[in-house]
PDB file of N, CA and C in Angstrom:
ATOM      1  N   ILE A   1      43.793  52.497  22.783  1.00  0.00           N
ATOM      2  CA  ILE A   1      44.267  53.527  21.874  1.00  0.00           C
ATOM      3  C   ILE A   1      44.272  54.855  22.619  1.00  0.00           C
ATOM      4  N   LYS A   2      45.396  55.545  22.587  1.00  0.00           N
ATOM      5  CA  LYS A   2      45.526  56.845  23.233  1.00  0.00           C
ATOM      6  C   LYS A   2      45.374  57.946  22.182  1.00  0.00           C
ATOM      7  N   PRO A   3      44.342  58.796  22.324  1.00  0.00           N
ATOM      8  CA  PRO A   3      44.181  59.874  21.336  1.00  0.00           C
ATOM      9  C   PRO A   3      45.183  60.996  21.579  1.00  0.00           C
ATOM     10  N   ASP A   4      45.695  61.587  20.506  1.00  0.00           N
ATOM     11  CA  ASP A   4      46.554  62.760  20.610  1.00  0.00           C
ATOM     12  C   ASP A   4      45.721  64.033  20.704  1.00  0.00           C
ATOM     13  N   ILE A   5      44.533  64.013  20.086  1.00  0.00           N
ATOM     14  CA  ILE A   5      43.666  65.192  20.032  1.00  0.00           C
ATOM     15  C   ILE A   5      42.261  64.791  20.452  1.00  0.00           C
ATOM     16  N   VAL A   6      41.659  65.603  21.337  1.00  0.00           N
ATOM     17  CA  VAL A   6      40.263  65.417  21.738  1.00  0.00           C
ATOM     18  C   VAL A   6      39.530  66.716  21.437  1.00  0.00           C
ATOM     19  N   ILE A   7      38.337  66.608  20.862  1.00  0.00           N
ATOM     20  CA  ILE A   7      37.479  67.763  20.614  1.00  0.00           C
ATOM     21  C   ILE A   7      36.146  67.473  21.286  1.00  0.00           C
ATOM     22  N   SER A   8      35.740  68.364  22.196  1.00  0.00           N
ATOM     23  CA  SER A   8      34.488  68.177  22.922  1.00  0.00           C
ATOM     24  C   SER A   8      33.820  69.537  23.131  1.00  0.00           C
ATOM     25  N   HIS A   9      32.550  69.505  23.495  1.00  0.00           N
ATOM     26  CA  HIS A   9      31.854  70.757  23.781  1.00  0.00           C
ATOM     27  C   HIS A   9      32.338  71.338  25.107  1.00  0.00           C
ATOM     28  N   GLU A  10      32.349  70.540  26.153  1.00  0.00           N
ATOM     29  CA  GLU A  10      32.818  70.950  27.480  1.00  0.00           C
ATOM     30  C   GLU A  10      34.227  70.439  27.711  1.00  0.00           C
ATOM     31  N   PRO A  11      34.961  71.069  28.624  1.00  0.00           N
ATOM     32  CA  PRO A  11      36.280  70.555  28.995  1.00  0.00           C
ATOM     33  C   PRO A  11      36.179  69.654  30.221  1.00  0.00           C
ATOM     34  N   PRO A  12      37.250  68.949  30.558  1.00  0.00           N
ATOM     35  CA  PRO A  12      37.278  68.205  31.811  1.00  0.00           C
ATOM     36  C   PRO A  12      37.333  69.155  33.009  1.00  0.00           C
ATOM     37  N   VAL A  13      37.126  68.609  34.189  1.00  0.00           N
ATOM     38  CA  VAL A  13      37.078  69.386  35.431  1.00  0.00           C
ATOM     39  C   VAL A  13      38.339  70.220  35.634  1.00  0.00           C
ATOM     40  N   VAL A  14      39.516  69.693  35.279  1.00  0.00           N
ATOM     41  CA  VAL A  14      40.776  70.404  35.503  1.00  0.00           C
ATOM     42  C   VAL A  14      40.750  71.791  34.875  1.00  0.00           C
ATOM     43  N   ALA A  15      40.135  71.948  33.727  1.00  0.00           N
ATOM     44  CA  ALA A  15      40.039  73.266  33.083  1.00  0.00           C
ATOM     45  C   ALA A  15      39.088  74.167  33.867  1.00  0.00           C
ATOM     46  N   HIS A  16      37.969  73.617  34.335  1.00  0.00           N
ATOM     47  CA  HIS A  16      37.040  74.398  35.167  1.00  0.00           C
ATOM     48  C   HIS A  16      37.748  74.922  36.409  1.00  0.00           C
ATOM     49  N   GLN A  17      38.511  74.076  37.075  1.00  0.00           N
ATOM     50  CA  GLN A  17      39.185  74.453  38.317  1.00  0.00           C
ATOM     51  C   GLN A  17      40.231  75.534  38.084  1.00  0.00           C
ATOM     52  N   ALA A  18      40.973  75.442  37.012  1.00  0.00           N
ATOM     53  CA  ALA A  18      42.013  76.419  36.730  1.00  0.00           C
ATOM     54  C   ALA A  18      41.422  77.792  36.434  1.00  0.00           C
ATOM     55  N   ILE A  19      40.307  77.827  35.735  1.00  0.00           N
ATOM     56  CA  ILE A  19      39.675  79.089  35.375  1.00  0.00           C
ATOM     57  C   ILE A  19      39.035  79.740  36.600  1.00  0.00           C
ATOM     58  N   ARG A  20      38.427  78.947  37.431  1.00  0.00           N
ATOM     59  CA  ARG A  20      37.670  79.476  38.577  1.00  0.00           C
ATOM     60  C   ARG A  20      38.453  79.351  39.880  1.00  0.00           C
ATOM     61  N   LYS A  21      39.745  79.663  39.841  1.00  0.00           N
ATOM     62  CA  LYS A  21      40.601  79.555  41.032  1.00  0.00           C
ATOM     63  C   LYS A  21      39.961  80.242  42.228  1.00  0.00           C
ATOM     64  N   GLY A  22      39.909  79.513  43.338  1.00  0.00           N
ATOM     65  CA  GLY A  22      39.382  80.062  44.569  1.00  0.00           C
ATOM     66  C   GLY A  22      37.867  80.066  44.658  1.00  0.00           C
ATOM     67  N   LEU A  23      37.186  79.720  43.587  1.00  0.00           N
ATOM     68  CA  LEU A  23      35.727  79.680  43.584  1.00  0.00           C
ATOM     69  C   LEU A  23      35.255  78.236  43.539  1.00  0.00           C
ATOM     70  N   GLU A  24      34.064  78.007  44.015  1.00  0.00           N
ATOM     71  CA  GLU A  24      33.504  76.662  43.973  1.00  0.00           C
ATOM     72  C   GLU A  24      33.214  76.270  42.530  1.00  0.00           C
ATOM     73  N   VAL A  25      33.553  75.057  42.189  1.00  0.00           N
ATOM     74  CA  VAL A  25      33.323  74.556  40.835  1.00  0.00           C
ATOM     75  C   VAL A  25      32.223  73.509  40.883  1.00  0.00           C
ATOM     76  N   ASN A  26      31.127  73.788  40.194  1.00  0.00           N
ATOM     77  CA  ASN A  26      30.028  72.825  40.082  1.00  0.00           C
ATOM     78  C   ASN A  26      30.108  72.195  38.691  1.00  0.00           C
ATOM     79  N   SER A  27      30.878  71.156  38.582  1.00  0.00           N
ATOM     80  CA  SER A  27      31.095  70.514  37.287  1.00  0.00           C
ATOM     81  C   SER A  27      29.924  69.622  36.909  1.00  0.00           C
ATOM     82  N   SER A  28      29.639  69.593  35.629  1.00  0.00           N
ATOM     83  CA  SER A  28      28.575  68.731  35.116  1.00  0.00           C
ATOM     84  C   SER A  28      29.039  67.277  35.104  1.00  0.00           C
ATOM     85  N   LYS A  29      28.117  66.386  34.935  1.00  0.00           N
ATOM     86  CA  LYS A  29      28.455  64.957  34.806  1.00  0.00           C
ATOM     87  C   LYS A  29      29.342  64.745  33.579  1.00  0.00           C
ATOM     88  N   THR A  30      29.097  65.526  32.533  1.00  0.00           N
ATOM     89  CA  THR A  30      29.920  65.417  31.325  1.00  0.00           C
ATOM     90  C   THR A  30      31.368  65.795  31.629  1.00  0.00           C
ATOM     91  N   SER A  31      31.576  66.932  32.318  1.00  0.00           N
ATOM     92  CA  SER A  31      32.938  67.346  32.663  1.00  0.00           C
ATOM     93  C   SER A  31      33.619  66.329  33.564  1.00  0.00           C
ATOM     94  N   GLN A  32      32.864  65.718  34.455  1.00  0.00           N
ATOM     95  CA  GLN A  32      33.427  64.698  35.341  1.00  0.00           C
ATOM     96  C   GLN A  32      33.851  63.465  34.544  1.00  0.00           C
ATOM     97  N   ALA A  33      33.031  63.066  33.579  1.00  0.00           N
ATOM     98  CA  ALA A  33      33.380  61.919  32.726  1.00  0.00           C
ATOM     99  C   ALA A  33      34.598  62.248  31.859  1.00  0.00           C
ATOM    100  N   LEU A  34      34.632  63.476  31.330  1.00  0.00           N
ATOM    101  CA  LEU A  34      35.784  63.893  30.529  1.00  0.00           C
ATOM    102  C   LEU A  34      37.049  63.965  31.373  1.00  0.00           C
ATOM    103  N   GLN A  35      36.921  64.282  32.658  1.00  0.00           N
ATOM    104  CA  GLN A  35      38.071  64.307  33.562  1.00  0.00           C
ATOM    105  C   GLN A  35      38.684  62.919  33.685  1.00  0.00           C
ATOM    106  N   ILE A  36      37.843  61.904  33.789  1.00  0.00           N
ATOM    107  CA  ILE A  36      38.338  60.522  33.864  1.00  0.00           C
ATOM    108  C   ILE A  36      39.093  60.181  32.581  1.00  0.00           C
ATOM    109  N   MET A  37      38.515  60.579  31.444  1.00  0.00           N
ATOM    110  CA  MET A  37      39.184  60.335  30.169  1.00  0.00           C
ATOM    111  C   MET A  37      40.528  61.066  30.124  1.00  0.00           C
ATOM    112  N   PHE A  38      40.542  62.322  30.593  1.00  0.00           N
ATOM    113  CA  PHE A  38      41.790  63.099  30.615  1.00  0.00           C
ATOM    114  C   PHE A  38      42.851  62.398  31.468  1.00  0.00           C
ATOM    115  N   GLU A  39      42.474  61.941  32.657  1.00  0.00           N
ATOM    116  CA  GLU A  39      43.425  61.289  33.558  1.00  0.00           C
ATOM    117  C   GLU A  39      43.988  60.001  32.968  1.00  0.00           C
ATOM    118  N   ILE A  40      43.188  59.289  32.203  1.00  0.00           N
ATOM    119  CA  ILE A  40      43.634  58.029  31.596  1.00  0.00           C
ATOM    120  C   ILE A  40      44.501  58.276  30.361  1.00  0.00           C
ATOM    121  N   HIS A  41      44.066  59.173  29.489  1.00  0.00           N
ATOM    122  CA  HIS A  41      44.691  59.307  28.166  1.00  0.00           C
ATOM    123  C   HIS A  41      45.690  60.449  28.024  1.00  0.00           C
ATOM    124  N   GLN A  42      45.554  61.544  28.779  1.00  0.00           N
ATOM    125  CA  GLN A  42      46.475  62.682  28.698  1.00  0.00           C
ATOM    126  C   GLN A  42      46.799  63.048  27.238  1.00  0.00           C
ATOM    127  N   PRO A  43      45.801  63.455  26.452  1.00  0.00           N
ATOM    128  CA  PRO A  43      46.081  63.801  25.051  1.00  0.00           C
ATOM    129  C   PRO A  43      46.983  65.029  24.959  1.00  0.00           C
ATOM    130  N   LYS A  44      47.583  65.242  23.804  1.00  0.00           N
ATOM    131  CA  LYS A  44      48.451  66.402  23.609  1.00  0.00           C
ATOM    132  C   LYS A  44      47.639  67.682  23.447  1.00  0.00           C
ATOM    133  N   LEU A  45      46.456  67.574  22.851  1.00  0.00           N
ATOM    134  CA  LEU A  45      45.633  68.744  22.564  1.00  0.00           C
ATOM    135  C   LEU A  45      44.178  68.431  22.873  1.00  0.00           C
ATOM    136  N   TRP A  46      43.510  69.349  23.589  1.00  0.00           N
ATOM    137  CA  TRP A  46      42.086  69.209  23.891  1.00  0.00           C
ATOM    138  C   TRP A  46      41.406  70.515  23.488  1.00  0.00           C
ATOM    139  N   VAL A  47      40.509  70.459  22.520  1.00  0.00           N
ATOM    140  CA  VAL A  47      39.808  71.627  22.006  1.00  0.00           C
ATOM    141  C   VAL A  47      38.361  71.567  22.482  1.00  0.00           C
ATOM    142  N   PHE A  48      37.870  72.693  23.015  1.00  0.00           N
ATOM    143  CA  PHE A  48      36.468  72.768  23.444  1.00  0.00           C
ATOM    144  C   PHE A  48      35.953  74.178  23.198  1.00  0.00           C
ATOM    145  N   GLY A  49      34.651  74.382  23.335  1.00  0.00           N
ATOM    146  CA  GLY A  49      34.096  75.701  23.044  1.00  0.00           C
ATOM    147  C   GLY A  49      33.005  76.145  23.990  1.00  0.00           C
ATOM    148  N   HIS A  50      32.779  75.442  25.036  1.00  0.00           N
ATOM    149  CA  HIS A  50      31.645  75.649  25.947  1.00  0.00           C
ATOM    150  C   HIS A  50      31.522  77.081  26.458  1.00  0.00           C
ATOM    151  N   TRP A  51      32.640  77.768  26.706  1.00  0.00           N
ATOM    152  CA  TRP A  51      32.598  79.092  27.322  1.00  0.00           C
ATOM    153  C   TRP A  51      32.532  80.245  26.324  1.00  0.00           C
ATOM    154  N   HIS A  52      32.643  79.959  25.041  1.00  0.00           N
ATOM    155  CA  HIS A  52      32.540  80.976  23.986  1.00  0.00           C
ATOM    156  C   HIS A  52      33.539  82.118  24.168  1.00  0.00           C
ATOM    157  N   THR A  53      34.695  81.818  24.723  1.00  0.00           N
ATOM    158  CA  THR A  53      35.747  82.812  24.902  1.00  0.00           C
ATOM    159  C   THR A  53      37.080  82.178  24.535  1.00  0.00           C
ATOM    160  N   THR A  54      38.027  82.990  24.143  1.00  0.00           N
ATOM    161  CA  THR A  54      39.332  82.483  23.735  1.00  0.00           C
ATOM    162  C   THR A  54      40.191  82.210  24.965  1.00  0.00           C
ATOM    163  N   LEU A  55      40.734  81.009  25.040  1.00  0.00           N
ATOM    164  CA  LEU A  55      41.541  80.608  26.186  1.00  0.00           C
ATOM    165  C   LEU A  55      42.476  79.493  25.765  1.00  0.00           C
ATOM    166  N   ARG A  56      43.713  79.576  26.202  1.00  0.00           N
ATOM    167  CA  ARG A  56      44.691  78.499  26.023  1.00  0.00           C
ATOM    168  C   ARG A  56      45.318  78.233  27.374  1.00  0.00           C
ATOM    169  N   CYS A  57      45.511  76.969  27.694  1.00  0.00           N
ATOM    170  CA  CYS A  57      46.161  76.630  28.947  1.00  0.00           C
ATOM    171  C   CYS A  57      46.878  75.298  28.778  1.00  0.00           C
ATOM    172  N   LEU A  58      47.817  75.074  29.648  1.00  0.00           N
ATOM    173  CA  LEU A  58      48.618  73.859  29.605  1.00  0.00           C
ATOM    174  C   LEU A  58      48.548  73.178  30.953  1.00  0.00           C
ATOM    175  N   ASP A  59      48.248  71.888  30.942  1.00  0.00           N
ATOM    176  CA  ASP A  59      48.259  71.073  32.157  1.00  0.00           C
ATOM    177  C   ASP A  59      49.104  69.845  31.853  1.00  0.00           C
ATOM    178  N   GLY A  60      50.290  69.792  32.437  1.00  0.00           N
ATOM    179  CA  GLY A  60      51.205  68.702  32.093  1.00  0.00           C
ATOM    180  C   GLY A  60      51.585  68.827  30.631  1.00  0.00           C
ATOM    181  N   GLN A  61      51.357  67.779  29.876  1.00  0.00           N
ATOM    182  CA  GLN A  61      51.655  67.784  28.445  1.00  0.00           C
ATOM    183  C   GLN A  61      50.412  68.017  27.593  1.00  0.00           C
ATOM    184  N   THR A  62      49.287  68.363  28.221  1.00  0.00           N
ATOM    185  CA  THR A  62      48.051  68.601  27.473  1.00  0.00           C
ATOM    186  C   THR A  62      47.797  70.093  27.355  1.00  0.00           C
ATOM    187  N   GLU A  63      47.614  70.552  26.123  1.00  0.00           N
ATOM    188  CA  GLU A  63      47.220  71.933  25.890  1.00  0.00           C
ATOM    189  C   GLU A  63      45.706  71.964  25.710  1.00  0.00           C
ATOM    190  N   PHE A  64      45.038  72.808  26.493  1.00  0.00           N
ATOM    191  CA  PHE A  64      43.603  73.014  26.355  1.00  0.00           C
ATOM    192  C   PHE A  64      43.382  74.299  25.578  1.00  0.00           C
ATOM    193  N   VAL A  65      42.486  74.243  24.583  1.00  0.00           N
ATOM    194  CA  VAL A  65      42.155  75.405  23.781  1.00  0.00           C
ATOM    195  C   VAL A  65      40.651  75.575  23.797  1.00  0.00           C
ATOM    196  N   CYS A  66      40.193  76.695  24.380  1.00  0.00           N
ATOM    197  CA  CYS A  66      38.776  77.041  24.318  1.00  0.00           C
ATOM    198  C   CYS A  66      38.603  77.930  23.101  1.00  0.00           C
ATOM    199  N   VAL A  67      37.743  77.522  22.202  1.00  0.00           N
ATOM    200  CA  VAL A  67      37.531  78.237  20.953  1.00  0.00           C
ATOM    201  C   VAL A  67      36.484  79.318  21.192  1.00  0.00           C
ATOM    202  N   GLY A  68      36.877  80.569  20.986  1.00  0.00           N
ATOM    203  CA  GLY A  68      35.954  81.693  21.142  1.00  0.00           C
ATOM    204  C   GLY A  68      34.860  81.658  20.086  1.00  0.00           C
ATOM    205  N   GLU A  69      33.890  82.527  20.286  1.00  0.00           N
ATOM    206  CA  GLU A  69      32.690  82.543  19.441  1.00  0.00           C
ATOM    207  C   GLU A  69      32.989  82.631  17.950  1.00  0.00           C
ATOM    208  N   LYS A  70      33.982  83.409  17.562  1.00  0.00           N
ATOM    209  CA  LYS A  70      34.296  83.578  16.143  1.00  0.00           C
ATOM    210  C   LYS A  70      35.692  83.064  15.808  1.00  0.00           C
ATOM    211  N   ASP A  71      36.226  82.195  16.654  1.00  0.00           N
ATOM    212  CA  ASP A  71      37.563  81.661  16.468  1.00  0.00           C
ATOM    213  C   ASP A  71      37.549  80.368  15.653  1.00  0.00           C
ATOM    214  N   PHE A  72      38.727  79.922  15.303  1.00  0.00           N
ATOM    215  CA  PHE A  72      38.926  78.623  14.693  1.00  0.00           C
ATOM    216  C   PHE A  72      40.252  78.071  15.201  1.00  0.00           C
ATOM    217  N   VAL A  73      40.449  76.796  15.006  1.00  0.00           N
ATOM    218  CA  VAL A  73      41.676  76.152  15.460  1.00  0.00           C
ATOM    219  C   VAL A  73      42.324  75.445  14.283  1.00  0.00           C
ATOM    220  N   ASP A  74      43.590  75.747  14.050  1.00  0.00           N
ATOM    221  CA  ASP A  74      44.389  75.000  13.092  1.00  0.00           C
ATOM    222  C   ASP A  74      45.047  73.869  13.865  1.00  0.00           C
ATOM    223  N   ILE A  75      44.875  72.653  13.432  1.00  0.00           N
ATOM    224  CA  ILE A  75      45.506  71.514  14.088  1.00  0.00           C
ATOM    225  C   ILE A  75      46.924  71.386  13.551  1.00  0.00           C
ATOM    226  N   GLU A  76      47.889  71.458  14.456  1.00  0.00           N
ATOM    227  CA  GLU A  76      49.290  71.392  14.074  1.00  0.00           C
ATOM    228  C   GLU A  76      49.723  69.952  13.813  1.00  0.00           C
ATOM    229  N   THR A  77      50.812  69.825  13.066  1.00  0.00           N
ATOM    230  CA  THR A  77      51.396  68.507  12.900  1.00  0.00           C
ATOM    231  C   THR A  77      51.988  68.081  14.236  1.00  0.00           C
ATOM    232  N   GLU A  78      52.258  66.818  14.389  1.00  0.00           N
ATOM    233  CA  GLU A  78      52.823  66.305  15.641  1.00  0.00           C
ATOM    234  C   GLU A  78      54.144  66.988  15.976  1.00  0.00           C
ATOM    235  N   ASP A  79      55.008  67.192  14.991  1.00  0.00           N
ATOM    236  CA  ASP A  79      56.297  67.849  15.232  1.00  0.00           C
ATOM    237  C   ASP A  79      56.107  69.291  15.693  1.00  0.00           C
ATOM    238  N   GLU A  80      55.183  70.025  15.056  1.00  0.00           N
ATOM    239  CA  GLU A  80      54.931  71.414  15.444  1.00  0.00           C
ATOM    240  C   GLU A  80      54.393  71.499  16.871  1.00  0.00           C
ATOM    241  N   LEU A  81      53.459  70.629  17.205  1.00  0.00           N
ATOM    242  CA  LEU A  81      52.868  70.620  18.539  1.00  0.00           C
ATOM    243  C   LEU A  81      53.903  70.260  19.597  1.00  0.00           C
ATOM    244  N   ASN A  82      54.697  69.228  19.351  1.00  0.00           N
ATOM    245  CA  ASN A  82      55.731  68.824  20.313  1.00  0.00           C
ATOM    246  C   ASN A  82      56.756  69.932  20.542  1.00  0.00           C
ATOM    247  N   ARG A  83      57.152  70.611  19.485  1.00  0.00           N
ATOM    248  CA  ARG A  83      58.125  71.690  19.594  1.00  0.00           C
ATOM    249  C   ARG A  83      57.555  72.838  20.442  1.00  0.00           C
ATOM    250  N   ARG A  84      56.299  73.222  20.199  1.00  0.00           N
ATOM    251  CA  ARG A  84      55.696  74.317  20.949  1.00  0.00           C
ATOM    252  C   ARG A  84      55.483  73.946  22.413  1.00  0.00           C
ATOM    253  N   LEU A  85      55.031  72.713  22.672  1.00  0.00           N
ATOM    254  CA  LEU A  85      54.806  72.292  24.052  1.00  0.00           C
ATOM    255  C   LEU A  85      56.111  72.200  24.832  1.00  0.00           C
ATOM    256  N   SER A  86      57.186  71.794  24.189  1.00  0.00           N
ATOM    257  CA  SER A  86      58.466  71.694  24.890  1.00  0.00           C
ATOM    258  C   SER A  86      59.036  73.074  25.217  1.00  0.00           C
ATOM    259  N   ASP A  87      58.613  74.118  24.487  1.00  0.00           N
ATOM    260  CA  ASP A  87      59.052  75.484  24.744  1.00  0.00           C
ATOM    261  C   ASP A  87      58.191  76.192  25.781  1.00  0.00           C
ATOM    262  N   SER A  88      57.065  75.609  26.184  1.00  0.00           N
ATOM    263  CA  SER A  88      56.107  76.263  27.070  1.00  0.00           C
ATOM    264  C   SER A  88      56.595  76.283  28.511  1.00  0.00           C
ATOM    265  N   GLU A  89      56.123  77.261  29.252  1.00  0.00           N
ATOM    266  CA  GLU A  89      56.468  77.397  30.667  1.00  0.00           C
ATOM    267  C   GLU A  89      55.370  76.859  31.569  1.00  0.00           C
ATOM    268  N   GLY A  90      54.351  76.180  31.032  1.00  0.00           N
ATOM    269  CA  GLY A  90      53.281  75.637  31.855  1.00  0.00           C
ATOM    270  C   GLY A  90      52.396  76.722  32.443  1.00  0.00           C
ATOM    271  N   GLU A  91      51.961  77.667  31.615  1.00  0.00           N
ATOM    272  CA  GLU A  91      51.131  78.763  32.075  1.00  0.00           C
ATOM    273  C   GLU A  91      49.746  78.672  31.450  1.00  0.00           C
ATOM    274  N   TRP A  92      48.765  79.210  32.154  1.00  0.00           N
ATOM    275  CA  TRP A  92      47.412  79.353  31.623  1.00  0.00           C
ATOM    276  C   TRP A  92      47.323  80.724  30.987  1.00  0.00           C
ATOM    277  N   ARG A  93      46.764  80.799  29.818  1.00  0.00           N
ATOM    278  CA  ARG A  93      46.600  82.088  29.148  1.00  0.00           C
ATOM    279  C   ARG A  93      45.119  82.362  28.938  1.00  0.00           C
ATOM    280  N   MET A  94      44.641  83.451  29.504  1.00  0.00           N
ATOM    281  CA  MET A  94      43.267  83.896  29.307  1.00  0.00           C
ATOM    282  C   MET A  94      43.316  85.229  28.604  1.00  0.00           C
ATOM    283  N   LYS A  95      42.896  85.257  27.356  1.00  0.00           N
ATOM    284  CA  LYS A  95      42.972  86.459  26.543  1.00  0.00           C
ATOM    285  C   LYS A  95      44.398  86.988  26.613  1.00  0.00           C
ATOM    286  N   GLU A  96      44.614  88.213  27.079  1.00  0.00           N
ATOM    287  CA  GLU A  96      45.955  88.784  27.149  1.00  0.00           C
ATOM    288  C   GLU A  96      46.610  88.540  28.497  1.00  0.00           C
ATOM    289  N   GLU A  97      45.850  88.048  29.456  1.00  0.00           N
ATOM    290  CA  GLU A  97      46.336  87.860  30.818  1.00  0.00           C
ATOM    291  C   GLU A  97      46.990  86.491  30.966  1.00  0.00           C
ATOM    292  N   VAL A  98      48.090  86.407  31.689  1.00  0.00           N
ATOM    293  CA  VAL A  98      48.748  85.127  31.951  1.00  0.00           C
ATOM    294  C   VAL A  98      48.626  84.832  33.443  1.00  0.00           C
ATOM    295  N   VAL A  99      48.108  83.660  33.769  1.00  0.00           N
ATOM    296  CA  VAL A  99      47.944  83.247  35.148  1.00  0.00           C
ATOM    297  C   VAL A  99      48.767  81.994  35.345  1.00  0.00           C
ATOM    298  N   ALA A 100      49.738  82.026  36.239  1.00  0.00           N
ATOM    299  CA  ALA A 100      50.594  80.849  36.486  1.00  0.00           C
ATOM    300  C   ALA A 100      49.802  79.766  37.190  1.00  0.00           C
ATOM    301  N   LEU A 101      50.123  78.497  36.895  1.00  0.00           N
ATOM    302  CA  LEU A 101      49.461  77.377  37.545  1.00  0.00           C
ATOM    303  C   LEU A 101      49.861  77.293  38.991  1.00  0.00           C
TER     304      LEU A 101
END
Protein backbone atom coordinates (compact mmCIF):
# COMPACT_ATOMS: atom_id res chain seq x y z
CA ILE A 1 0.00 0.00 0.00
CA LYS A 2 1.41 3.38 -1.02
CA PRO A 3 0.40 6.22 1.32
CA ASP A 4 -0.54 9.58 -0.20
CA ILE A 5 0.04 11.41 3.10
CA VAL A 6 2.63 10.80 5.83
CA ILE A 7 2.65 12.61 9.18
CA SER A 8 5.73 12.22 11.37
CA HIS A 9 7.63 14.12 14.03
CA GLU A 10 10.91 14.20 12.06
CA PRO A 11 11.34 14.39 8.29
CA PRO A 12 13.42 12.06 6.12
CA VAL A 13 17.08 12.87 5.43
CA VAL A 14 16.28 14.61 2.11
CA ALA A 15 14.58 17.45 4.01
CA HIS A 16 17.54 17.77 6.40
CA GLN A 17 19.96 18.00 3.46
CA ALA A 18 17.94 20.62 1.61
CA ILE A 19 17.67 22.87 4.66
CA ARG A 20 21.32 22.57 5.66
CA LYS A 21 22.86 23.03 2.19
CA GLY A 22 26.63 22.98 2.38
CA LEU A 23 26.65 21.95 6.04
CA GLU A 24 27.21 18.52 7.50
CA VAL A 25 23.98 16.69 8.24
CA ASN A 26 23.93 14.40 11.27
CA SER A 27 20.65 12.60 10.70
CA SER A 28 19.03 10.53 13.41
CA LYS A 29 18.24 6.85 12.97
CA THR A 30 14.59 7.89 12.70
CA SER A 31 15.31 10.27 9.80
CA GLN A 32 17.35 7.56 8.09
CA ALA A 33 14.49 5.06 8.44
CA LEU A 34 12.01 7.66 7.17
CA GLN A 35 14.33 8.27 4.19
CA ILE A 36 14.01 4.61 3.21
CA MET A 37 10.24 4.91 3.48
CA PHE A 38 10.33 8.10 1.36
CA GLU A 39 12.43 6.42 -1.35
CA ILE A 40 10.05 3.44 -1.52
CA HIS A 41 6.67 5.20 -1.28
CA GLN A 42 7.16 8.81 -2.54
CA PRO A 43 3.96 10.12 -0.90
CA LYS A 44 2.30 13.26 -2.26
CA LEU A 45 2.40 15.06 1.10
CA TRP A 46 4.70 14.69 4.12
CA VAL A 47 3.87 16.74 7.23
CA PHE A 48 6.32 17.05 10.14
CA GLY A 49 7.00 19.46 12.98
CA HIS A 50 10.43 18.67 14.42
CA TRP A 51 11.96 22.11 13.70
CA HIS A 52 9.06 24.22 15.07
CA THR A 53 9.31 26.58 12.09
CA THR A 54 7.16 27.09 9.01
CA LEU A 55 8.63 25.50 5.89
CA ARG A 56 7.31 24.10 2.62
CA CYS A 57 9.43 22.33 0.05
CA LEU A 58 8.99 20.07 -2.92
CA ASP A 59 11.13 17.06 -3.81
CA GLY A 60 9.93 15.35 -6.97
CA GLN A 61 6.21 14.86 -6.46
CA THR A 62 6.39 15.00 -2.65
CA GLU A 63 5.57 18.22 -0.83
CA PHE A 64 7.16 18.50 2.61
CA VAL A 65 5.44 20.75 5.14
CA CYS A 66 7.11 21.62 8.44
CA VAL A 67 4.42 22.81 10.81
CA GLY A 68 5.52 25.85 12.82
CA GLU A 69 4.91 26.16 16.54
CA LYS A 70 1.48 27.77 16.18
CA ASP A 71 0.62 26.54 12.69
CA PHE A 72 -1.86 24.00 11.42
CA VAL A 73 -2.24 22.08 8.19
CA ASP A 74 -5.39 21.71 6.14
CA ILE A 75 -5.24 18.45 4.21
CA GLU A 76 -6.31 19.11 0.63
CA THR A 77 -8.41 16.82 -1.49
CA GLU A 78 -6.50 14.73 -4.02
CA ASP A 79 -7.63 16.98 -6.90
CA GLU A 80 -6.56 20.16 -5.07
CA LEU A 81 -3.15 18.70 -4.18
CA ASN A 82 -2.50 17.38 -7.71
CA ARG A 83 -3.45 20.73 -9.25
CA ARG A 84 -1.12 22.68 -6.93
CA LEU A 85 1.79 20.26 -7.36
CA SER A 86 1.50 20.35 -11.15
CA ASP A 87 1.72 24.18 -11.01
CA SER A 88 4.86 24.15 -8.80
CA GLU A 89 8.34 25.02 -10.01
CA GLY A 90 10.10 22.56 -7.67
CA GLU A 91 11.33 25.15 -5.18
CA TRP A 92 12.01 25.01 -1.45
CA ARG A 93 10.26 27.72 0.51
CA MET A 94 11.58 28.80 3.90
CA LYS A 95 9.39 31.47 5.44
CA GLU A 96 9.47 34.29 2.85
CA GLU A 97 12.72 33.16 1.25
CA VAL A 98 12.76 30.89 -1.82
CA VAL A 99 15.76 28.62 -2.33
CA ALA A 100 15.97 26.71 -5.63
CA LEU A 101 16.80 23.00 -5.47
